[in-house]
Structures are given as C-alpha cells and as structure tokens.
N, C-alpha and C. Protein backbone atom coordinates (compact mmCIF):
# COMPACT_ATOMS: atom_id res chain seq x y z
N ASP A 1 123.81 87.05 95.95
CA ASP A 1 124.67 87.74 95.00
C ASP A 1 123.89 88.89 94.38
N LYS A 2 124.37 90.11 94.59
CA LYS A 2 123.67 91.30 94.12
C LYS A 2 123.63 91.40 92.60
N SER A 3 124.63 90.83 91.92
CA SER A 3 124.69 90.93 90.47
C SER A 3 123.85 89.86 89.76
N ALA A 4 123.36 88.86 90.49
CA ALA A 4 122.54 87.82 89.86
C ALA A 4 121.22 88.42 89.40
N ARG A 5 120.77 88.00 88.26
CA ARG A 5 119.53 88.51 87.69
C ARG A 5 118.80 87.38 86.99
N GLY A 6 117.51 87.58 86.83
CA GLY A 6 116.71 86.70 86.00
C GLY A 6 116.09 87.55 84.91
N TYR A 7 115.88 86.98 83.75
CA TYR A 7 115.27 87.76 82.68
C TYR A 7 114.23 86.93 81.94
N SER A 8 113.32 87.64 81.30
CA SER A 8 112.32 87.01 80.45
C SER A 8 112.19 87.85 79.19
N VAL A 9 111.98 87.18 78.08
CA VAL A 9 111.82 87.86 76.80
C VAL A 9 110.62 87.27 76.10
N CYS A 10 109.83 88.11 75.53
CA CYS A 10 108.70 87.66 74.71
C CYS A 10 108.82 88.38 73.37
N ASP A 11 109.19 87.63 72.36
CA ASP A 11 109.43 88.21 71.03
C ASP A 11 108.16 88.32 70.22
N MET A 12 108.09 89.36 69.47
CA MET A 12 107.07 89.56 68.45
C MET A 12 105.65 89.17 68.88
N VAL A 13 105.15 89.89 69.85
CA VAL A 13 103.78 89.69 70.31
C VAL A 13 102.86 90.62 69.53
N TYR A 14 101.82 90.05 68.97
CA TYR A 14 100.86 90.84 68.20
C TYR A 14 99.67 91.21 69.07
N HIS A 15 99.33 92.50 69.05
CA HIS A 15 98.09 92.96 69.68
C HIS A 15 97.39 93.83 68.65
N PRO A 16 96.14 93.52 68.31
CA PRO A 16 95.46 94.22 67.22
C PRO A 16 95.30 95.72 67.43
N ASN A 17 95.23 96.19 68.66
CA ASN A 17 95.02 97.61 68.90
C ASN A 17 96.31 98.41 68.98
N LEU A 18 97.45 97.77 68.93
CA LEU A 18 98.72 98.48 69.03
C LEU A 18 98.89 99.44 67.85
N ALA A 19 98.36 99.09 66.71
CA ALA A 19 98.49 99.92 65.52
C ALA A 19 97.76 101.26 65.67
N THR A 20 96.87 101.38 66.63
CA THR A 20 96.10 102.61 66.80
C THR A 20 96.77 103.61 67.74
N VAL A 21 97.94 103.24 68.30
CA VAL A 21 98.60 104.08 69.31
C VAL A 21 99.86 104.70 68.73
N GLN A 22 100.12 105.96 69.09
CA GLN A 22 101.36 106.63 68.68
C GLN A 22 102.45 106.34 69.70
N TYR A 23 103.69 106.32 69.23
CA TYR A 23 104.83 106.04 70.11
C TYR A 23 104.83 106.92 71.36
N ASN A 24 104.74 108.24 71.14
CA ASN A 24 104.85 109.16 72.27
C ASN A 24 103.74 108.94 73.30
N VAL A 25 102.55 108.61 72.86
CA VAL A 25 101.45 108.35 73.79
C VAL A 25 101.72 107.07 74.58
N PHE A 26 102.12 106.02 73.90
CA PHE A 26 102.37 104.74 74.56
C PHE A 26 103.48 104.86 75.60
N PHE A 27 104.61 105.46 75.21
CA PHE A 27 105.74 105.53 76.13
C PHE A 27 105.51 106.55 77.25
N ASN A 28 104.70 107.56 77.01
CA ASN A 28 104.32 108.47 78.08
C ASN A 28 103.45 107.74 79.10
N LEU A 29 102.54 106.90 78.63
CA LEU A 29 101.72 106.08 79.54
C LEU A 29 102.60 105.13 80.35
N CYS A 30 103.62 104.55 79.70
CA CYS A 30 104.56 103.68 80.42
C CYS A 30 105.18 104.45 81.58
N ARG A 31 105.67 105.65 81.28
CA ARG A 31 106.31 106.47 82.30
C ARG A 31 105.34 106.81 83.43
N LEU A 32 104.14 107.22 83.06
CA LEU A 32 103.13 107.61 84.06
C LEU A 32 102.70 106.44 84.94
N LYS A 33 102.66 105.25 84.38
CA LYS A 33 102.19 104.07 85.12
C LYS A 33 103.33 103.29 85.78
N GLY A 34 104.56 103.79 85.63
CA GLY A 34 105.70 103.14 86.30
C GLY A 34 106.19 101.88 85.62
N VAL A 35 105.87 101.70 84.36
CA VAL A 35 106.36 100.54 83.61
C VAL A 35 107.62 101.00 82.89
N HIS A 36 108.78 100.67 83.45
CA HIS A 36 110.04 101.17 82.92
C HIS A 36 111.19 100.27 83.33
N PHE A 37 112.35 100.58 82.78
CA PHE A 37 113.58 99.89 83.15
C PHE A 37 114.41 100.86 83.97
N ASP A 38 114.75 100.47 85.20
CA ASP A 38 115.53 101.31 86.10
C ASP A 38 117.01 101.08 85.81
N LEU A 39 117.67 102.08 85.27
CA LEU A 39 119.08 101.95 84.89
C LEU A 39 119.99 101.82 86.11
N GLN A 40 119.61 102.40 87.22
CA GLN A 40 120.44 102.31 88.42
C GLN A 40 120.39 100.90 89.01
N ASP A 41 119.18 100.36 89.17
CA ASP A 41 119.02 99.01 89.73
C ASP A 41 119.22 97.91 88.68
N LYS A 42 119.20 98.31 87.42
CA LYS A 42 119.33 97.37 86.30
C LYS A 42 118.24 96.31 86.32
N MET A 43 117.00 96.78 86.63
CA MET A 43 115.84 95.89 86.64
C MET A 43 114.64 96.64 86.09
N GLY A 44 113.69 95.89 85.53
CA GLY A 44 112.46 96.49 85.05
C GLY A 44 112.01 95.91 83.73
N THR A 45 111.19 96.69 83.03
CA THR A 45 110.58 96.27 81.78
C THR A 45 111.03 97.18 80.65
N ALA A 46 111.43 96.59 79.54
CA ALA A 46 111.78 97.35 78.34
C ALA A 46 110.93 96.81 77.19
N PHE A 47 110.31 97.72 76.47
CA PHE A 47 109.56 97.35 75.27
C PHE A 47 110.50 97.50 74.09
N LEU A 48 110.58 96.46 73.28
CA LEU A 48 111.47 96.47 72.12
C LEU A 48 110.63 96.64 70.87
N LEU A 49 110.99 97.61 70.08
CA LEU A 49 110.24 97.87 68.85
C LEU A 49 110.76 96.97 67.74
N VAL A 50 109.94 96.02 67.35
CA VAL A 50 110.28 95.08 66.29
C VAL A 50 110.05 95.74 64.94
N ASP A 51 109.01 96.52 64.87
CA ASP A 51 108.58 97.21 63.66
C ASP A 51 107.86 98.46 64.14
N SER A 52 107.27 99.20 63.25
CA SER A 52 106.46 100.33 63.70
C SER A 52 105.21 99.77 64.36
N PHE A 53 104.57 100.57 65.20
CA PHE A 53 103.35 100.13 65.86
C PHE A 53 102.27 99.76 64.84
N ALA A 54 102.39 100.28 63.62
CA ALA A 54 101.39 100.00 62.59
C ALA A 54 101.26 98.50 62.34
N GLY A 55 102.32 97.76 62.55
CA GLY A 55 102.27 96.31 62.38
C GLY A 55 101.59 95.60 63.53
N GLY A 56 101.38 96.30 64.65
CA GLY A 56 100.72 95.70 65.81
C GLY A 56 101.60 94.74 66.58
N VAL A 57 102.93 94.85 66.40
CA VAL A 57 103.86 93.90 67.01
C VAL A 57 104.83 94.65 67.93
N ILE A 58 105.10 94.04 69.07
CA ILE A 58 106.06 94.59 70.03
C ILE A 58 106.71 93.41 70.75
N SER A 59 107.88 93.64 71.31
CA SER A 59 108.56 92.63 72.13
C SER A 59 108.76 93.21 73.52
N LEU A 60 108.85 92.32 74.51
CA LEU A 60 109.10 92.75 75.88
C LEU A 60 110.32 92.03 76.41
N LEU A 61 111.14 92.78 77.15
CA LEU A 61 112.29 92.24 77.86
C LEU A 61 112.15 92.69 79.30
N THR A 62 112.19 91.76 80.23
CA THR A 62 112.12 92.12 81.64
C THR A 62 113.31 91.52 82.37
N VAL A 63 113.82 92.28 83.33
CA VAL A 63 114.94 91.83 84.15
C VAL A 63 114.54 92.05 85.60
N GLY A 64 114.71 90.99 86.40
CA GLY A 64 114.39 91.07 87.83
C GLY A 64 115.50 90.46 88.65
N LYS A 65 115.32 90.51 89.97
CA LYS A 65 116.35 89.95 90.85
C LYS A 65 116.44 88.44 90.73
N ASP A 66 115.36 87.81 90.21
CA ASP A 66 115.35 86.37 89.95
C ASP A 66 114.34 86.09 88.84
N SER A 67 114.26 84.84 88.42
CA SER A 67 113.37 84.52 87.30
C SER A 67 111.90 84.74 87.64
N ALA A 68 111.51 84.52 88.89
CA ALA A 68 110.11 84.75 89.27
C ALA A 68 109.75 86.22 89.12
N MET A 69 110.65 87.10 89.54
CA MET A 69 110.37 88.54 89.42
C MET A 69 110.31 88.95 87.95
N SER A 70 111.19 88.39 87.12
CA SER A 70 111.16 88.75 85.70
C SER A 70 109.86 88.28 85.05
N LEU A 71 109.37 87.10 85.43
CA LEU A 71 108.08 86.63 84.91
C LEU A 71 106.93 87.50 85.40
N ARG A 72 107.00 87.91 86.65
CA ARG A 72 105.97 88.80 87.21
C ARG A 72 105.95 90.12 86.44
N LEU A 73 107.13 90.68 86.16
CA LEU A 73 107.21 91.92 85.39
C LEU A 73 106.68 91.72 83.97
N LEU A 74 106.94 90.56 83.38
CA LEU A 74 106.44 90.27 82.04
C LEU A 74 104.91 90.21 82.04
N ALA A 75 104.34 89.54 83.03
CA ALA A 75 102.89 89.47 83.15
C ALA A 75 102.31 90.87 83.35
N GLU A 76 102.97 91.68 84.18
CA GLU A 76 102.51 93.06 84.39
C GLU A 76 102.61 93.87 83.10
N GLY A 77 103.64 93.63 82.30
CA GLY A 77 103.76 94.31 81.01
C GLY A 77 102.62 93.97 80.07
N PHE A 78 102.26 92.69 80.03
CA PHE A 78 101.13 92.27 79.21
C PHE A 78 99.82 92.88 79.73
N ASP A 79 99.65 92.88 81.04
CA ASP A 79 98.45 93.49 81.62
C ASP A 79 98.39 94.98 81.30
N PHE A 80 99.55 95.65 81.35
CA PHE A 80 99.62 97.07 81.01
C PHE A 80 99.17 97.30 79.57
N ILE A 81 99.67 96.48 78.65
CA ILE A 81 99.28 96.62 77.24
C ILE A 81 97.78 96.44 77.10
N GLN A 82 97.25 95.41 77.72
CA GLN A 82 95.80 95.17 77.65
C GLN A 82 95.00 96.34 78.18
N LEU A 83 95.39 96.82 79.34
CA LEU A 83 94.66 97.91 79.99
C LEU A 83 94.72 99.18 79.16
N GLN A 84 95.87 99.52 78.65
CA GLN A 84 96.04 100.78 77.93
C GLN A 84 95.47 100.74 76.52
N LEU A 85 95.31 99.57 75.95
CA LEU A 85 94.78 99.48 74.59
C LEU A 85 93.29 99.20 74.55
N GLY A 86 92.64 99.36 75.67
CA GLY A 86 91.19 99.29 75.71
C GLY A 86 90.60 97.90 75.75
N VAL A 87 91.41 96.89 76.00
CA VAL A 87 90.93 95.52 76.09
C VAL A 87 90.85 95.17 77.57
N GLY A 88 89.83 94.38 77.96
CA GLY A 88 89.64 94.03 79.37
C GLY A 88 90.85 93.39 80.01
N ARG A 89 90.93 93.46 81.31
CA ARG A 89 92.05 92.89 82.06
C ARG A 89 92.10 91.37 81.87
N SER A 90 93.27 90.81 82.13
CA SER A 90 93.49 89.39 81.91
C SER A 90 92.80 88.50 82.94
N THR A 91 92.21 89.09 84.00
CA THR A 91 91.53 88.26 84.98
C THR A 91 90.28 87.63 84.38
N SER A 92 89.80 88.20 83.29
CA SER A 92 88.67 87.63 82.57
C SER A 92 89.12 87.32 81.15
N ASP A 93 89.54 86.08 80.92
CA ASP A 93 90.14 85.70 79.65
C ASP A 93 89.23 85.91 78.45
N LYS A 94 87.93 86.01 78.65
CA LYS A 94 87.06 86.17 77.49
C LYS A 94 87.23 87.53 76.82
N PHE A 95 87.87 88.50 77.50
CA PHE A 95 88.09 89.81 76.92
C PHE A 95 89.47 89.97 76.31
N VAL A 96 90.31 88.97 76.46
CA VAL A 96 91.66 89.03 75.91
C VAL A 96 91.59 88.75 74.42
N PRO A 97 92.33 89.52 73.60
CA PRO A 97 92.30 89.25 72.16
C PRO A 97 92.72 87.81 71.86
N GLU A 98 92.07 87.22 70.90
CA GLU A 98 92.41 85.86 70.50
C GLU A 98 93.78 85.84 69.86
N GLY A 99 94.38 84.71 69.81
CA GLY A 99 95.64 84.55 69.11
C GLY A 99 96.84 84.56 70.01
N GLN A 100 97.94 85.05 69.47
CA GLN A 100 99.23 84.97 70.13
C GLN A 100 99.25 85.73 71.46
N PHE A 101 98.62 86.87 71.54
CA PHE A 101 98.64 87.65 72.78
C PHE A 101 98.01 86.86 73.92
N LYS A 102 96.85 86.29 73.67
CA LYS A 102 96.15 85.51 74.68
C LYS A 102 96.96 84.27 75.07
N THR A 103 97.50 83.59 74.09
CA THR A 103 98.30 82.40 74.35
C THR A 103 99.55 82.75 75.16
N SER A 104 100.22 83.83 74.78
CA SER A 104 101.42 84.25 75.49
C SER A 104 101.12 84.62 76.93
N LEU A 105 100.03 85.34 77.14
CA LEU A 105 99.65 85.76 78.49
C LEU A 105 99.36 84.55 79.37
N LYS A 106 98.64 83.58 78.85
CA LYS A 106 98.35 82.36 79.61
C LYS A 106 99.62 81.60 79.96
N GLU A 107 100.53 81.50 79.00
CA GLU A 107 101.79 80.79 79.22
C GLU A 107 102.64 81.49 80.28
N ILE A 108 102.72 82.80 80.20
CA ILE A 108 103.50 83.56 81.19
C ILE A 108 102.93 83.35 82.59
N LYS A 109 101.63 83.45 82.71
CA LYS A 109 101.02 83.30 84.03
C LYS A 109 101.16 81.87 84.55
N ALA A 110 101.11 80.89 83.68
CA ALA A 110 101.32 79.49 84.10
C ALA A 110 102.75 79.28 84.58
N ARG A 111 103.70 79.83 83.84
CA ARG A 111 105.11 79.69 84.25
C ARG A 111 105.38 80.44 85.55
N LEU A 112 104.77 81.59 85.70
CA LEU A 112 104.94 82.35 86.94
C LEU A 112 104.40 81.56 88.13
N GLU A 113 103.22 80.99 87.98
CA GLU A 113 102.63 80.19 89.05
C GLU A 113 103.51 78.98 89.38
N GLU A 114 104.03 78.34 88.34
CA GLU A 114 104.93 77.19 88.54
C GLU A 114 106.18 77.62 89.30
N LYS A 115 106.76 78.76 88.92
CA LYS A 115 107.97 79.25 89.58
C LYS A 115 107.69 79.62 91.03
N VAL A 116 106.54 80.22 91.30
CA VAL A 116 106.15 80.57 92.67
C VAL A 116 106.04 79.31 93.52
N GLN A 117 105.45 78.26 92.97
CA GLN A 117 105.31 77.00 93.70
C GLN A 117 106.67 76.36 93.97
N ILE A 118 107.56 76.41 92.99
CA ILE A 118 108.91 75.86 93.17
C ILE A 118 109.65 76.64 94.26
N ASN A 119 109.57 77.97 94.21
CA ASN A 119 110.23 78.80 95.23
C ASN A 119 109.68 78.52 96.61
N LYS A 120 108.37 78.32 96.70
CA LYS A 120 107.73 78.02 97.99
C LYS A 120 108.25 76.68 98.52
N ALA A 121 108.32 75.68 97.66
CA ALA A 121 108.81 74.36 98.08
C ALA A 121 110.27 74.44 98.51
N GLU A 122 111.07 75.22 97.80
CA GLU A 122 112.48 75.39 98.17
C GLU A 122 112.62 76.07 99.53
N ARG A 123 111.80 77.08 99.79
CA ARG A 123 111.82 77.77 101.10
C ARG A 123 111.45 76.81 102.21
N GLU A 124 110.43 76.00 101.98
CA GLU A 124 110.00 75.04 102.99
C GLU A 124 111.11 74.02 103.27
N GLU A 125 111.78 73.58 102.22
CA GLU A 125 112.87 72.62 102.38
C GLU A 125 114.03 73.23 103.17
N ARG A 126 114.36 74.50 102.87
CA ARG A 126 115.42 75.18 103.62
C ARG A 126 115.04 75.33 105.10
N LYS A 127 113.78 75.66 105.37
CA LYS A 127 113.31 75.78 106.76
C LYS A 127 113.44 74.44 107.47
N LYS A 128 113.05 73.38 106.77
CA LYS A 128 113.13 72.04 107.35
C LYS A 128 114.58 71.68 107.66
N GLN A 129 115.48 71.94 106.72
CA GLN A 129 116.90 71.66 106.93
C GLN A 129 117.47 72.48 108.08
N HIS A 130 117.06 73.74 108.17
CA HIS A 130 117.52 74.61 109.24
C HIS A 130 117.01 74.11 110.59
N ARG A 131 115.77 73.68 110.63
CA ARG A 131 115.18 73.14 111.87
C ARG A 131 115.90 71.87 112.30
N LEU A 132 116.19 70.98 111.34
CA LEU A 132 116.92 69.75 111.65
C LEU A 132 118.33 70.05 112.14
N GLN A 133 118.97 71.02 111.54
CA GLN A 133 120.31 71.40 111.96
C GLN A 133 120.29 71.95 113.39
N ASN A 134 119.28 72.77 113.70
CA ASN A 134 119.16 73.31 115.06
C ASN A 134 118.91 72.20 116.07
N GLU A 135 118.08 71.23 115.72
CA GLU A 135 117.82 70.12 116.60
C GLU A 135 119.07 69.29 116.84
N THR A 136 119.85 69.09 115.76
CA THR A 136 121.11 68.35 115.88
C THR A 136 122.09 69.09 116.77
N ASP A 137 122.18 70.40 116.58
CA ASP A 137 123.08 71.22 117.41
C ASP A 137 122.69 71.18 118.87
N LEU A 138 121.39 71.22 119.15
CA LEU A 138 120.92 71.16 120.54
C LEU A 138 121.20 69.79 121.15
N ALA A 139 121.04 68.76 120.35
CA ALA A 139 121.28 67.39 120.86
C ALA A 139 122.77 67.17 121.17
N ASN A 140 123.64 67.85 120.45
CA ASN A 140 125.08 67.70 120.65
C ASN A 140 125.61 68.52 121.82
N LEU A 141 124.77 69.35 122.41
CA LEU A 141 125.24 70.18 123.54
C LEU A 141 125.39 69.38 124.77
C-alpha cells in the first residue's frame, strides 16, 4: 500500500549546544546535508521548534515507508544534531552528551535494531511459507 507510512516522534530533546546555534545556520545545514521532509513523497525528517534554540530543546518527527525507516531517519536526525553541534558521533557513546539526548539516542538505536530483527524474521518466515507452497504445488502436479 503506497499510502501506508510509519512515523516516529521524539518530543523535547535537550542538547546543551543547541543554544549556541542560530535558526538560519541550523536549517541551512539541514538543507545542505539532505536532512529534510520531502513534500512530494511525504517522507523525511522535520524538526519541531518547541521553544527558541536558547532553551536547547528541539523535537523531531520522522515519516518513512514503514516504522523501521522512520526509526532509521530518527537515528540519523540525532546523529546529524550531534555532528553539527560539535559533539562526537554516536558510535562512541563516551562523547555523547549526558542526559536525555544520550538516553534517547540509545533507545532509538535499540528499537531500530529490534525492528530490523523482527523484519528479518518476518522475511524468513515468508520465504519459508513460499517454499512450502511451491513444494506443495509441485507435489500436486
């Protein structure tokens, strides 16, 4: 179904360095790095302004073709924030700011991994069912 979508939302995420960035600089970086919401495909990442950047708080909304894609986009959004605000990448957790940002990033990545494993198991089950159906069809010939 082309209209089916998955979405993820992360409300009020605090990052200590967000207060040091101006709106126009942040959103220009989003555009340059391809972090955006595609209005034609109705998929992508949208940053929601909860307050001014001075508060260090932002929200993310991601929409993908399924929930795994939306989680992947959410993780990429968090990685983008980390990279652009001068904090080390999430592959090395010791450089991630303490607190809600670090906790949220870990949770997103854990859920994404869980969803990937579920999707993999579902694909394997469908392959198995398809193989059994083919064997049954051949036996009935």
